[in-house]
Amino acid sequence: MSDLWRSAGPPDVTGVVRSAERLADRLRLLGPRWAARNRSADAAPAAAVRAALQGLEDSTARAEGRPAHQVPDLGLHALPDQLIVLARDAAGTGGPATLAEADAILAGLRAAL
């Protein structure tokens, strides 16, 4: 099965940001549902999003040569915006390794959702 969100070839800045924006759109629908239902089964996907956020921060910090910061838990409704900001930060480093890592993190998150 082909993945329509991924382009053929190495990831680029636009592709990484576009993937993050599409995932953020999906999270805007899922986050409020998770909050409204408050079920333990919804904790796993929310944890996957938070792990992806931290992965993006860690990747960016390595690329910039600085220590990584803990991504704050701002609640379920903030997850889409956090994802876009951190993906743009990672893509903004411009390094191929960071772009590839960000692309892989986003692909893993897509699969987890």
PDB file of N, CA and C in Angstrom:
ATOM      1  N   MET A   1       0.855  -1.178   0.000  1.00  0.00           N
ATOM      2  CA  MET A   1       0.000   0.000   0.000  1.00  0.00           C
ATOM      3  C   MET A   1       0.894   1.232   0.000  1.00  0.00           C
ATOM      4  N   SER A   2       0.605   2.182  -0.848  1.00  0.00           N
ATOM      5  CA  SER A   2       1.420   3.384  -0.927  1.00  0.00           C
ATOM      6  C   SER A   2       0.991   4.384   0.140  1.00  0.00           C
ATOM      7  N   ASP A   3       1.951   5.161   0.564  1.00  0.00           N
ATOM      8  CA  ASP A   3       1.687   6.196   1.551  1.00  0.00           C
ATOM      9  C   ASP A   3       1.601   7.524   0.813  1.00  0.00           C
ATOM     10  N   LEU A   4       0.412   8.071   0.699  1.00  0.00           N
ATOM     11  CA  LEU A   4       0.201   9.293  -0.068  1.00  0.00           C
ATOM     12  C   LEU A   4       0.823  10.520   0.584  1.00  0.00           C
ATOM     13  N   TRP A   5       1.148  10.431   1.859  1.00  0.00           N
ATOM     14  CA  TRP A   5       1.709  11.578   2.551  1.00  0.00           C
ATOM     15  C   TRP A   5       3.200  11.704   2.333  1.00  0.00           C
ATOM     16  N   ARG A   6       3.825  10.655   1.846  1.00  0.00           N
ATOM     17  CA  ARG A   6       5.271  10.680   1.690  1.00  0.00           C
ATOM     18  C   ARG A   6       5.609  10.792   0.216  1.00  0.00           C
ATOM     19  N   SER A   7       6.622  11.532  -0.068  1.00  0.00           N
ATOM     20  CA  SER A   7       7.078  11.659  -1.449  1.00  0.00           C
ATOM     21  C   SER A   7       8.164  10.623  -1.706  1.00  0.00           C
ATOM     22  N   ALA A   8       8.386  10.348  -2.961  1.00  0.00           N
ATOM     23  CA  ALA A   8       9.486   9.466  -3.322  1.00  0.00           C
ATOM     24  C   ALA A   8      10.785  10.239  -3.160  1.00  0.00           C
ATOM     25  N   GLY A   9      11.809   9.579  -2.700  1.00  0.00           N
ATOM     26  CA  GLY A   9      13.095  10.230  -2.529  1.00  0.00           C
ATOM     27  C   GLY A   9      13.282  10.743  -1.113  1.00  0.00           C
ATOM     28  N   PRO A  10      14.392  11.424  -0.892  1.00  0.00           N
ATOM     29  CA  PRO A  10      14.693  11.902   0.460  1.00  0.00           C
ATOM     30  C   PRO A  10      13.726  13.001   0.890  1.00  0.00           C
ATOM     31  N   PRO A  11      13.488  13.101   2.189  1.00  0.00           N
ATOM     32  CA  PRO A  11      12.572  14.134   2.673  1.00  0.00           C
ATOM     33  C   PRO A  11      13.166  15.527   2.481  1.00  0.00           C
ATOM     34  N   ASP A  12      12.292  16.494   2.267  1.00  0.00           N
ATOM     35  CA  ASP A  12      12.725  17.878   2.186  1.00  0.00           C
ATOM     36  C   ASP A  12      11.947  18.685   3.217  1.00  0.00           C
ATOM     37  N   VAL A  13      12.328  19.936   3.381  1.00  0.00           N
ATOM     38  CA  VAL A  13      11.708  20.797   4.395  1.00  0.00           C
ATOM     39  C   VAL A  13      10.202  20.883   4.177  1.00  0.00           C
ATOM     40  N   THR A  14       9.793  21.134   2.960  1.00  0.00           N
ATOM     41  CA  THR A  14       8.369  21.276   2.656  1.00  0.00           C
ATOM     42  C   THR A  14       7.616  19.988   2.952  1.00  0.00           C
ATOM     43  N   GLY A  15       8.189  18.863   2.596  1.00  0.00           N
ATOM     44  CA  GLY A  15       7.527  17.577   2.824  1.00  0.00           C
ATOM     45  C   GLY A  15       7.345  17.282   4.296  1.00  0.00           C
ATOM     46  N   VAL A  16       8.360  17.572   5.094  1.00  0.00           N
ATOM     47  CA  VAL A  16       8.275  17.325   6.535  1.00  0.00           C
ATOM     48  C   VAL A  16       7.211  18.225   7.150  1.00  0.00           C
ATOM     49  N   VAL A  17       7.215  19.492   6.797  1.00  0.00           N
ATOM     50  CA  VAL A  17       6.225  20.425   7.354  1.00  0.00           C
ATOM     51  C   VAL A  17       4.824  20.034   6.901  1.00  0.00           C
ATOM     52  N   ARG A  18       4.677  19.663   5.653  1.00  0.00           N
ATOM     53  CA  ARG A  18       3.362  19.259   5.142  1.00  0.00           C
ATOM     54  C   ARG A  18       2.847  18.019   5.877  1.00  0.00           C
ATOM     55  N   SER A  19       3.726  17.049   6.120  1.00  0.00           N
ATOM     56  CA  SER A  19       3.327  15.853   6.870  1.00  0.00           C
ATOM     57  C   SER A  19       2.864  16.218   8.277  1.00  0.00           C
ATOM     58  N   ALA A  20       3.604  17.131   8.909  1.00  0.00           N
ATOM     59  CA  ALA A  20       3.227  17.563  10.257  1.00  0.00           C
ATOM     60  C   ALA A  20       1.884  18.278  10.249  1.00  0.00           C
ATOM     61  N   GLU A  21       1.646  19.101   9.248  1.00  0.00           N
ATOM     62  CA  GLU A  21       0.368  19.821   9.173  1.00  0.00           C
ATOM     63  C   GLU A  21      -0.793  18.853   8.967  1.00  0.00           C
ATOM     64  N   ARG A  22      -0.590  17.833   8.163  1.00  0.00           N
ATOM     65  CA  ARG A  22      -1.649  16.840   7.954  1.00  0.00           C
ATOM     66  C   ARG A  22      -1.917  16.057   9.229  1.00  0.00           C
ATOM     67  N   LEU A  23      -0.858  15.692   9.931  1.00  0.00           N
ATOM     68  CA  LEU A  23      -1.047  15.009  11.202  1.00  0.00           C
ATOM     69  C   LEU A  23      -1.725  15.925  12.216  1.00  0.00           C
ATOM     70  N   ALA A  24      -1.368  17.189  12.217  1.00  0.00           N
ATOM     71  CA  ALA A  24      -1.998  18.146  13.133  1.00  0.00           C
ATOM     72  C   ALA A  24      -3.488  18.259  12.853  1.00  0.00           C
ATOM     73  N   ASP A  25      -3.867  18.260  11.574  1.00  0.00           N
ATOM     74  CA  ASP A  25      -5.294  18.295  11.234  1.00  0.00           C
ATOM     75  C   ASP A  25      -6.002  17.079  11.824  1.00  0.00           C
ATOM     76  N   ARG A  26      -5.363  15.936  11.728  1.00  0.00           N
ATOM     77  CA  ARG A  26      -5.956  14.714  12.291  1.00  0.00           C
ATOM     78  C   ARG A  26      -6.045  14.802  13.812  1.00  0.00           C
ATOM     79  N   LEU A  27      -5.014  15.348  14.433  1.00  0.00           N
ATOM     80  CA  LEU A  27      -5.018  15.478  15.896  1.00  0.00           C
ATOM     81  C   LEU A  27      -6.081  16.462  16.377  1.00  0.00           C
ATOM     82  N   ARG A  28      -6.404  17.449  15.568  1.00  0.00           N
ATOM     83  CA  ARG A  28      -7.453  18.400  15.955  1.00  0.00           C
ATOM     84  C   ARG A  28      -8.807  17.703  16.090  1.00  0.00           C
ATOM     85  N   LEU A  29      -8.976  16.614  15.372  1.00  0.00           N
ATOM     86  CA  LEU A  29     -10.197  15.812  15.499  1.00  0.00           C
ATOM     87  C   LEU A  29     -10.085  14.804  16.636  1.00  0.00           C
ATOM     88  N   LEU A  30      -8.930  14.180  16.764  1.00  0.00           N
ATOM     89  CA  LEU A  30      -8.766  13.121  17.752  1.00  0.00           C
ATOM     90  C   LEU A  30      -8.619  13.640  19.184  1.00  0.00           C
ATOM     91  N   GLY A  31      -7.874  14.715  19.364  1.00  0.00           N
ATOM     92  CA  GLY A  31      -7.618  15.230  20.706  1.00  0.00           C
ATOM     93  C   GLY A  31      -8.871  15.506  21.513  1.00  0.00           C
ATOM     94  N   PRO A  32      -9.822  16.260  20.972  1.00  0.00           N
ATOM     95  CA  PRO A  32     -11.053  16.503  21.724  1.00  0.00           C
ATOM     96  C   PRO A  32     -11.839  15.220  21.995  1.00  0.00           C
ATOM     97  N   ARG A  33     -11.788  14.267  21.069  1.00  0.00           N
ATOM     98  CA  ARG A  33     -12.468  12.982  21.307  1.00  0.00           C
ATOM     99  C   ARG A  33     -11.804  12.248  22.460  1.00  0.00           C
ATOM    100  N   TRP A  34     -10.463  12.267  22.478  1.00  0.00           N
ATOM    101  CA  TRP A  34      -9.761  11.608  23.578  1.00  0.00           C
ATOM    102  C   TRP A  34     -10.137  12.256  24.903  1.00  0.00           C
ATOM    103  N   ALA A  35     -10.199  13.575  24.918  1.00  0.00           N
ATOM    104  CA  ALA A  35     -10.512  14.285  26.155  1.00  0.00           C
ATOM    105  C   ALA A  35     -11.949  14.021  26.597  1.00  0.00           C
ATOM    106  N   ALA A  36     -12.864  13.973  25.649  1.00  0.00           N
ATOM    107  CA  ALA A  36     -14.277  13.785  25.986  1.00  0.00           C
ATOM    108  C   ALA A  36     -14.550  12.375  26.506  1.00  0.00           C
ATOM    109  N   ARG A  37     -13.864  11.392  25.910  1.00  0.00           N
ATOM    110  CA  ARG A  37     -14.132  10.005  26.307  1.00  0.00           C
ATOM    111  C   ARG A  37     -13.404   9.626  27.578  1.00  0.00           C
ATOM    112  N   ASN A  38     -12.198  10.155  27.765  1.00  0.00           N
ATOM    113  CA  ASN A  38     -11.404   9.872  28.952  1.00  0.00           C
ATOM    114  C   ASN A  38     -11.295   8.371  29.210  1.00  0.00           C
ATOM    115  N   ARG A  39     -10.933   7.626  28.169  1.00  0.00           N
ATOM    116  CA  ARG A  39     -10.775   6.177  28.289  1.00  0.00           C
ATOM    117  C   ARG A  39      -9.296   5.828  28.334  1.00  0.00           C
ATOM    118  N   SER A  40      -8.977   4.755  29.028  1.00  0.00           N
ATOM    119  CA  SER A  40      -7.583   4.341  29.122  1.00  0.00           C
ATOM    120  C   SER A  40      -7.026   3.940  27.754  1.00  0.00           C
ATOM    121  N   ALA A  41      -7.868   3.449  26.850  1.00  0.00           N
ATOM    122  CA  ALA A  41      -7.409   3.064  25.515  1.00  0.00           C
ATOM    123  C   ALA A  41      -6.924   4.273  24.721  1.00  0.00           C
ATOM    124  N   ASP A  42      -7.393   5.457  25.059  1.00  0.00           N
ATOM    125  CA  ASP A  42      -6.985   6.672  24.349  1.00  0.00           C
ATOM    126  C   ASP A  42      -5.650   7.206  24.857  1.00  0.00           C
ATOM    127  N   ALA A  43      -5.151   6.652  25.953  1.00  0.00           N
ATOM    128  CA  ALA A  43      -3.880   7.130  26.501  1.00  0.00           C
ATOM    129  C   ALA A  43      -2.708   6.732  25.618  1.00  0.00           C
ATOM    130  N   ALA A  44      -2.774   5.572  24.975  1.00  0.00           N
ATOM    131  CA  ALA A  44      -1.653   5.111  24.146  1.00  0.00           C
ATOM    132  C   ALA A  44      -1.400   6.021  22.941  1.00  0.00           C
ATOM    133  N   PRO A  45      -2.428   6.388  22.159  1.00  0.00           N
ATOM    134  CA  PRO A  45      -2.146   7.298  21.045  1.00  0.00           C
ATOM    135  C   PRO A  45      -1.674   8.674  21.513  1.00  0.00           C
ATOM    136  N   ALA A  46      -2.219   9.169  22.602  1.00  0.00           N
ATOM    137  CA  ALA A  46      -1.775  10.465  23.119  1.00  0.00           C
ATOM    138  C   ALA A  46      -0.322  10.375  23.571  1.00  0.00           C
ATOM    139  N   ALA A  47       0.058   9.264  24.162  1.00  0.00           N
ATOM    140  CA  ALA A  47       1.451   9.058  24.567  1.00  0.00           C
ATOM    141  C   ALA A  47       2.358   8.970  23.344  1.00  0.00           C
ATOM    142  N   ALA A  48       1.863   8.374  22.264  1.00  0.00           N
ATOM    143  CA  ALA A  48       2.651   8.290  21.024  1.00  0.00           C
ATOM    144  C   ALA A  48       2.906   9.690  20.460  1.00  0.00           C
ATOM    145  N   VAL A  49       1.907  10.546  20.544  1.00  0.00           N
ATOM    146  CA  VAL A  49       2.082  11.922  20.061  1.00  0.00           C
ATOM    147  C   VAL A  49       3.121  12.628  20.917  1.00  0.00           C
ATOM    148  N   ARG A  50       3.022  12.478  22.225  1.00  0.00           N
ATOM    149  CA  ARG A  50       3.976  13.150  23.111  1.00  0.00           C
ATOM    150  C   ARG A  50       5.394  12.622  22.894  1.00  0.00           C
ATOM    151  N   ALA A  51       5.524  11.320  22.646  1.00  0.00           N
ATOM    152  CA  ALA A  51       6.850  10.750  22.358  1.00  0.00           C
ATOM    153  C   ALA A  51       7.402  11.320  21.052  1.00  0.00           C
ATOM    154  N   ALA A  52       6.543  11.482  20.051  1.00  0.00           N
ATOM    155  CA  ALA A  52       6.977  12.065  18.780  1.00  0.00           C
ATOM    156  C   ALA A  52       7.412  13.517  18.974  1.00  0.00           C
ATOM    157  N   LEU A  53       6.674  14.253  19.790  1.00  0.00           N
ATOM    158  CA  LEU A  53       7.052  15.639  20.070  1.00  0.00           C
ATOM    159  C   LEU A  53       8.444  15.692  20.686  1.00  0.00           C
ATOM    160  N   GLN A  54       8.684  14.820  21.657  1.00  0.00           N
ATOM    161  CA  GLN A  54       9.989  14.809  22.315  1.00  0.00           C
ATOM    162  C   GLN A  54      11.083  14.372  21.342  1.00  0.00           C
ATOM    163  N   GLY A  55      10.755  13.420  20.470  1.00  0.00           N
ATOM    164  CA  GLY A  55      11.719  12.989  19.465  1.00  0.00           C
ATOM    165  C   GLY A  55      12.114  14.118  18.527  1.00  0.00           C
ATOM    166  N   LEU A  56      11.151  14.917  18.118  1.00  0.00           N
ATOM    167  CA  LEU A  56      11.438  16.066  17.260  1.00  0.00           C
ATOM    168  C   LEU A  56      12.313  17.083  17.984  1.00  0.00           C
ATOM    169  N   GLU A  57      12.016  17.332  19.244  1.00  0.00           N
ATOM    170  CA  GLU A  57      12.825  18.266  20.039  1.00  0.00           C
ATOM    171  C   GLU A  57      14.244  17.734  20.192  1.00  0.00           C
ATOM    172  N   ASP A  58      14.384  16.453  20.489  1.00  0.00           N
ATOM    173  CA  ASP A  58      15.710  15.860  20.659  1.00  0.00           C
ATOM    174  C   ASP A  58      16.521  15.948  19.375  1.00  0.00           C
ATOM    175  N   SER A  59      15.885  15.671  18.257  1.00  0.00           N
ATOM    176  CA  SER A  59      16.561  15.727  16.960  1.00  0.00           C
ATOM    177  C   SER A  59      17.028  17.146  16.642  1.00  0.00           C
ATOM    178  N   THR A  60      16.167  18.107  16.882  1.00  0.00           N
ATOM    179  CA  THR A  60      16.520  19.506  16.637  1.00  0.00           C
ATOM    180  C   THR A  60      17.665  19.940  17.538  1.00  0.00           C
ATOM    181  N   ALA A  61      17.602  19.547  18.802  1.00  0.00           N
ATOM    182  CA  ALA A  61      18.660  19.923  19.741  1.00  0.00           C
ATOM    183  C   ALA A  61      20.008  19.351  19.309  1.00  0.00           C
ATOM    184  N   ARG A  62      20.024  18.089  18.869  1.00  0.00           N
ATOM    185  CA  ARG A  62      21.276  17.491  18.383  1.00  0.00           C
ATOM    186  C   ARG A  62      21.803  18.266  17.181  1.00  0.00           C
ATOM    187  N   ALA A  63      20.929  18.608  16.262  1.00  0.00           N
ATOM    188  CA  ALA A  63      21.346  19.329  15.055  1.00  0.00           C
ATOM    189  C   ALA A  63      21.886  20.719  15.379  1.00  0.00           C
ATOM    190  N   GLU A  64      21.331  21.323  16.410  1.00  0.00           N
ATOM    191  CA  GLU A  64      21.750  22.677  16.787  1.00  0.00           C
ATOM    192  C   GLU A  64      22.883  22.672  17.810  1.00  0.00           C
ATOM    193  N   GLY A  65      23.275  21.484  18.273  1.00  0.00           N
ATOM    194  CA  GLY A  65      24.362  21.386  19.242  1.00  0.00           C
ATOM    195  C   GLY A  65      24.019  21.946  20.605  1.00  0.00           C
ATOM    196  N   ARG A  66      22.798  21.759  21.025  1.00  0.00           N
ATOM    197  CA  ARG A  66      22.359  22.255  22.337  1.00  0.00           C
ATOM    198  C   ARG A  66      21.678  21.126  23.094  1.00  0.00           C
ATOM    199  N   PRO A  67      21.542  21.278  24.404  1.00  0.00           N
ATOM    200  CA  PRO A  67      20.830  20.238  25.154  1.00  0.00           C
ATOM    201  C   PRO A  67      19.332  20.263  24.813  1.00  0.00           C
ATOM    202  N   ALA A  68      18.739  19.102  24.791  1.00  0.00           N
ATOM    203  CA  ALA A  68      17.299  19.007  24.529  1.00  0.00           C
ATOM    204  C   ALA A  68      16.534  19.445  25.767  1.00  0.00           C
ATOM    205  N   HIS A  69      15.376  20.031  25.525  1.00  0.00           N
ATOM    206  CA  HIS A  69      14.486  20.436  26.612  1.00  0.00           C
ATOM    207  C   HIS A  69      13.322  19.462  26.671  1.00  0.00           C
ATOM    208  N   GLN A  70      12.757  19.306  27.841  1.00  0.00           N
ATOM    209  CA  GLN A  70      11.558  18.484  27.997  1.00  0.00           C
ATOM    210  C   GLN A  70      10.386  19.246  27.381  1.00  0.00           C
ATOM    211  N   VAL A  71       9.651  18.603  26.467  1.00  0.00           N
ATOM    212  CA  VAL A  71       8.484  19.230  25.856  1.00  0.00           C
ATOM    213  C   VAL A  71       7.364  19.235  26.897  1.00  0.00           C
ATOM    214  N   PRO A  72       6.817  20.400  27.209  1.00  0.00           N
ATOM    215  CA  PRO A  72       5.784  20.456  28.250  1.00  0.00           C
ATOM    216  C   PRO A  72       4.470  19.825  27.796  1.00  0.00           C
ATOM    217  N   ASP A  73       3.755  19.253  28.737  1.00  0.00           N
ATOM    218  CA  ASP A  73       2.423  18.713  28.475  1.00  0.00           C
ATOM    219  C   ASP A  73       1.432  19.862  28.655  1.00  0.00           C
ATOM    220  N   LEU A  74       0.959  20.379  27.529  1.00  0.00           N
ATOM    221  CA  LEU A  74       0.030  21.506  27.557  1.00  0.00           C
ATOM    222  C   LEU A  74      -1.421  21.075  27.393  1.00  0.00           C
ATOM    223  N   GLY A  75      -1.658  19.775  27.405  1.00  0.00           N
ATOM    224  CA  GLY A  75      -3.005  19.246  27.256  1.00  0.00           C
ATOM    225  C   GLY A  75      -3.256  18.730  25.857  1.00  0.00           C
ATOM    226  N   LEU A  76      -4.317  17.966  25.724  1.00  0.00           N
ATOM    227  CA  LEU A  76      -4.638  17.320  24.454  1.00  0.00           C
ATOM    228  C   LEU A  76      -4.944  18.311  23.332  1.00  0.00           C
ATOM    229  N   HIS A  77      -5.557  19.416  23.675  1.00  0.00           N
ATOM    230  CA  HIS A  77      -5.942  20.382  22.641  1.00  0.00           C
ATOM    231  C   HIS A  77      -4.733  21.111  22.049  1.00  0.00           C
ATOM    232  N   ALA A  78      -3.605  21.112  22.759  1.00  0.00           N
ATOM    233  CA  ALA A  78      -2.409  21.801  22.271  1.00  0.00           C
ATOM    234  C   ALA A  78      -1.512  20.908  21.422  1.00  0.00           C
ATOM    235  N   LEU A  79      -1.756  19.612  21.397  1.00  0.00           N
ATOM    236  CA  LEU A  79      -0.884  18.692  20.673  1.00  0.00           C
ATOM    237  C   LEU A  79      -0.692  19.052  19.200  1.00  0.00           C
ATOM    238  N   PRO A  80      -1.744  19.413  18.456  1.00  0.00           N
ATOM    239  CA  PRO A  80      -1.526  19.757  17.038  1.00  0.00           C
ATOM    240  C   PRO A  80      -0.576  20.931  16.845  1.00  0.00           C
ATOM    241  N   ASP A  81      -0.748  21.968  17.651  1.00  0.00           N
ATOM    242  CA  ASP A  81       0.112  23.143  17.517  1.00  0.00           C
ATOM    243  C   ASP A  81       1.544  22.825  17.920  1.00  0.00           C
ATOM    244  N   GLN A  82       1.708  22.035  18.979  1.00  0.00           N
ATOM    245  CA  GLN A  82       3.047  21.636  19.382  1.00  0.00           C
ATOM    246  C   GLN A  82       3.723  20.837  18.275  1.00  0.00           C
ATOM    247  N   LEU A  83       2.985  19.959  17.632  1.00  0.00           N
ATOM    248  CA  LEU A  83       3.540  19.142  16.561  1.00  0.00           C
ATOM    249  C   LEU A  83       4.032  20.018  15.415  1.00  0.00           C
ATOM    250  N   ILE A  84       3.241  20.984  15.008  1.00  0.00           N
ATOM    251  CA  ILE A  84       3.641  21.864  13.903  1.00  0.00           C
ATOM    252  C   ILE A  84       4.878  22.676  14.273  1.00  0.00           C
ATOM    253  N   VAL A  85       4.891  23.249  15.457  1.00  0.00           N
ATOM    254  CA  VAL A  85       6.033  24.073  15.872  1.00  0.00           C
ATOM    255  C   VAL A  85       7.308  23.245  15.911  1.00  0.00           C
ATOM    256  N   LEU A  86       7.248  22.066  16.527  1.00  0.00           N
ATOM    257  CA  LEU A  86       8.460  21.261  16.652  1.00  0.00           C
ATOM    258  C   LEU A  86       8.904  20.673  15.319  1.00  0.00           C
ATOM    259  N   ALA A  87       7.971  20.339  14.456  1.00  0.00           N
ATOM    260  CA  ALA A  87       8.344  19.843  13.124  1.00  0.00           C
ATOM    261  C   ALA A  87       8.981  20.959  12.305  1.00  0.00           C
ATOM    262  N   ARG A  88       8.457  22.161  12.403  1.00  0.00           N
ATOM    263  CA  ARG A  88       9.068  23.292  11.682  1.00  0.00           C
ATOM    264  C   ARG A  88      10.455  23.588  12.224  1.00  0.00           C
ATOM    265  N   ASP A  89      10.625  23.481  13.529  1.00  0.00           N
ATOM    266  CA  ASP A  89      11.954  23.677  14.110  1.00  0.00           C
ATOM    267  C   ASP A  89      12.932  22.639  13.567  1.00  0.00           C
ATOM    268  N   ALA A  90      12.495  21.378  13.551  1.00  0.00           N
ATOM    269  CA  ALA A  90      13.367  20.305  13.048  1.00  0.00           C
ATOM    270  C   ALA A  90      13.681  20.519  11.574  1.00  0.00           C
ATOM    271  N   ALA A  91      12.678  20.862  10.793  1.00  0.00           N
ATOM    272  CA  ALA A  91      12.886  21.080   9.364  1.00  0.00           C
ATOM    273  C   ALA A  91      13.755  22.313   9.124  1.00  0.00           C
ATOM    274  N   GLY A  92      13.663  23.285   9.996  1.00  0.00           N
ATOM    275  CA  GLY A  92      14.423  24.518   9.844  1.00  0.00           C
ATOM    276  C   GLY A  92      15.915  24.351  10.017  1.00  0.00           C
ATOM    277  N   THR A  93      16.331  23.262  10.632  1.00  0.00           N
ATOM    278  CA  THR A  93      17.770  23.030  10.763  1.00  0.00           C
ATOM    279  C   THR A  93      18.376  22.733   9.404  1.00  0.00           C
ATOM    280  N   GLY A  94      17.547  22.191   8.489  1.00  0.00           N
ATOM    281  CA  GLY A  94      17.978  21.993   7.109  1.00  0.00           C
ATOM    282  C   GLY A  94      18.918  20.841   6.860  1.00  0.00           C
ATOM    283  N   GLY A  95      19.420  20.194   7.900  1.00  0.00           N
ATOM    284  CA  GLY A  95      20.340  19.085   7.708  1.00  0.00           C
ATOM    285  C   GLY A  95      19.624  17.834   7.223  1.00  0.00           C
ATOM    286  N   PRO A  96      20.214  17.121   6.270  1.00  0.00           N
ATOM    287  CA  PRO A  96      19.563  15.919   5.734  1.00  0.00           C
ATOM    288  C   PRO A  96      19.282  14.870   6.799  1.00  0.00           C
ATOM    289  N   ALA A  97      20.193  14.708   7.745  1.00  0.00           N
ATOM    290  CA  ALA A  97      19.982  13.701   8.789  1.00  0.00           C
ATOM    291  C   ALA A  97      18.803  14.089   9.675  1.00  0.00           C
ATOM    292  N   THR A  98      18.699  15.363  10.001  1.00  0.00           N
ATOM    293  CA  THR A  98      17.590  15.828  10.833  1.00  0.00           C
ATOM    294  C   THR A  98      16.273  15.716  10.079  1.00  0.00           C
ATOM    295  N   LEU A  99      16.279  16.058   8.798  1.00  0.00           N
ATOM    296  CA  LEU A  99      15.062  15.911   7.996  1.00  0.00           C
ATOM    297  C   LEU A  99      14.633  14.452   7.913  1.00  0.00           C
ATOM    298  N   ALA A 100      15.591  13.568   7.715  1.00  0.00           N
ATOM    299  CA  ALA A 100      15.265  12.140   7.636  1.00  0.00           C
ATOM    300  C   ALA A 100      14.730  11.637   8.968  1.00  0.00           C
ATOM    301  N   GLU A 101      15.331  12.091  10.057  1.00  0.00           N
ATOM    302  CA  GLU A 101      14.858  11.670  11.378  1.00  0.00           C
ATOM    303  C   GLU A 101      13.460  12.219  11.659  1.00  0.00           C
ATOM    304  N   ALA A 102      13.221  13.475  11.335  1.00  0.00           N
ATOM    305  CA  ALA A 102      11.894  14.067  11.529  1.00  0.00           C
ATOM    306  C   ALA A 102      10.860  13.346  10.681  1.00  0.00           C
ATOM    307  N   ASP A 103      11.217  13.027   9.451  1.00  0.00           N
ATOM    308  CA  ASP A 103      10.317  12.293   8.565  1.00  0.00           C
ATOM    309  C   ASP A 103       9.975  10.927   9.149  1.00  0.00           C
ATOM    310  N   ALA A 104      10.975  10.251   9.697  1.00  0.00           N
ATOM    311  CA  ALA A 104      10.748   8.938  10.302  1.00  0.00           C
ATOM    312  C   ALA A 104       9.873   9.043  11.551  1.00  0.00           C
ATOM    313  N   ILE A 105      10.085  10.062  12.345  1.00  0.00           N
ATOM    314  CA  ILE A 105       9.267  10.268  13.549  1.00  0.00           C
ATOM    315  C   ILE A 105       7.815  10.496  13.156  1.00  0.00           C
ATOM    316  N   LEU A 106       7.596  11.331  12.152  1.00  0.00           N
ATOM    317  CA  LEU A 106       6.229  11.609  11.709  1.00  0.00           C
ATOM    318  C   LEU A 106       5.577  10.375  11.091  1.00  0.00           C
ATOM    319  N   ALA A 107       6.346   9.590  10.349  1.00  0.00           N
ATOM    320  CA  ALA A 107       5.801   8.340   9.770  1.00  0.00           C
ATOM    321  C   ALA A 107       5.416   7.370  10.881  1.00  0.00           C
ATOM    322  N   GLY A 108       6.231   7.279  11.911  1.00  0.00           N
ATOM    323  CA  GLY A 108       5.905   6.411  13.042  1.00  0.00           C
ATOM    324  C   GLY A 108       4.657   6.876  13.769  1.00  0.00           C
ATOM    325  N   LEU A 109       4.500   8.174  13.923  1.00  0.00           N
ATOM    326  CA  LEU A 109       3.315   8.723  14.567  1.00  0.00           C
ATOM    327  C   LEU A 109       2.082   8.438  13.730  1.00  0.00           C
ATOM    328  N   ARG A 110       2.194   8.635  12.424  1.00  0.00           N
ATOM    329  CA  ARG A 110       1.076   8.333  11.520  1.00  0.00           C
ATOM    330  C   ARG A 110       0.623   6.897  11.692  1.00  0.00           C
ATOM    331  N   ALA A 111       1.582   5.987  11.756  1.00  0.00           N
ATOM    332  CA  ALA A 111       1.267   4.563  11.907  1.00  0.00           C
ATOM    333  C   ALA A 111       0.629   4.282  13.267  1.00  0.00           C
ATOM    334  N   ALA A 112       1.036   5.013  14.301  1.00  0.00           N
ATOM    335  CA  ALA A 112       0.492   4.793  15.644  1.00  0.00           C
ATOM    336  C   ALA A 112      -0.927   5.298  15.794  1.00  0.00           C
ATOM    337  N   LEU A 113      -1.291   6.276  14.973  1.00  0.00           N
ATOM    338  CA  LEU A 113      -2.638   6.828  15.072  1.00  0.00           C
ATOM    339  C   LEU A 113      -3.590   6.024  14.211  1.00  0.00           C
TER     340      LEU A 113
END
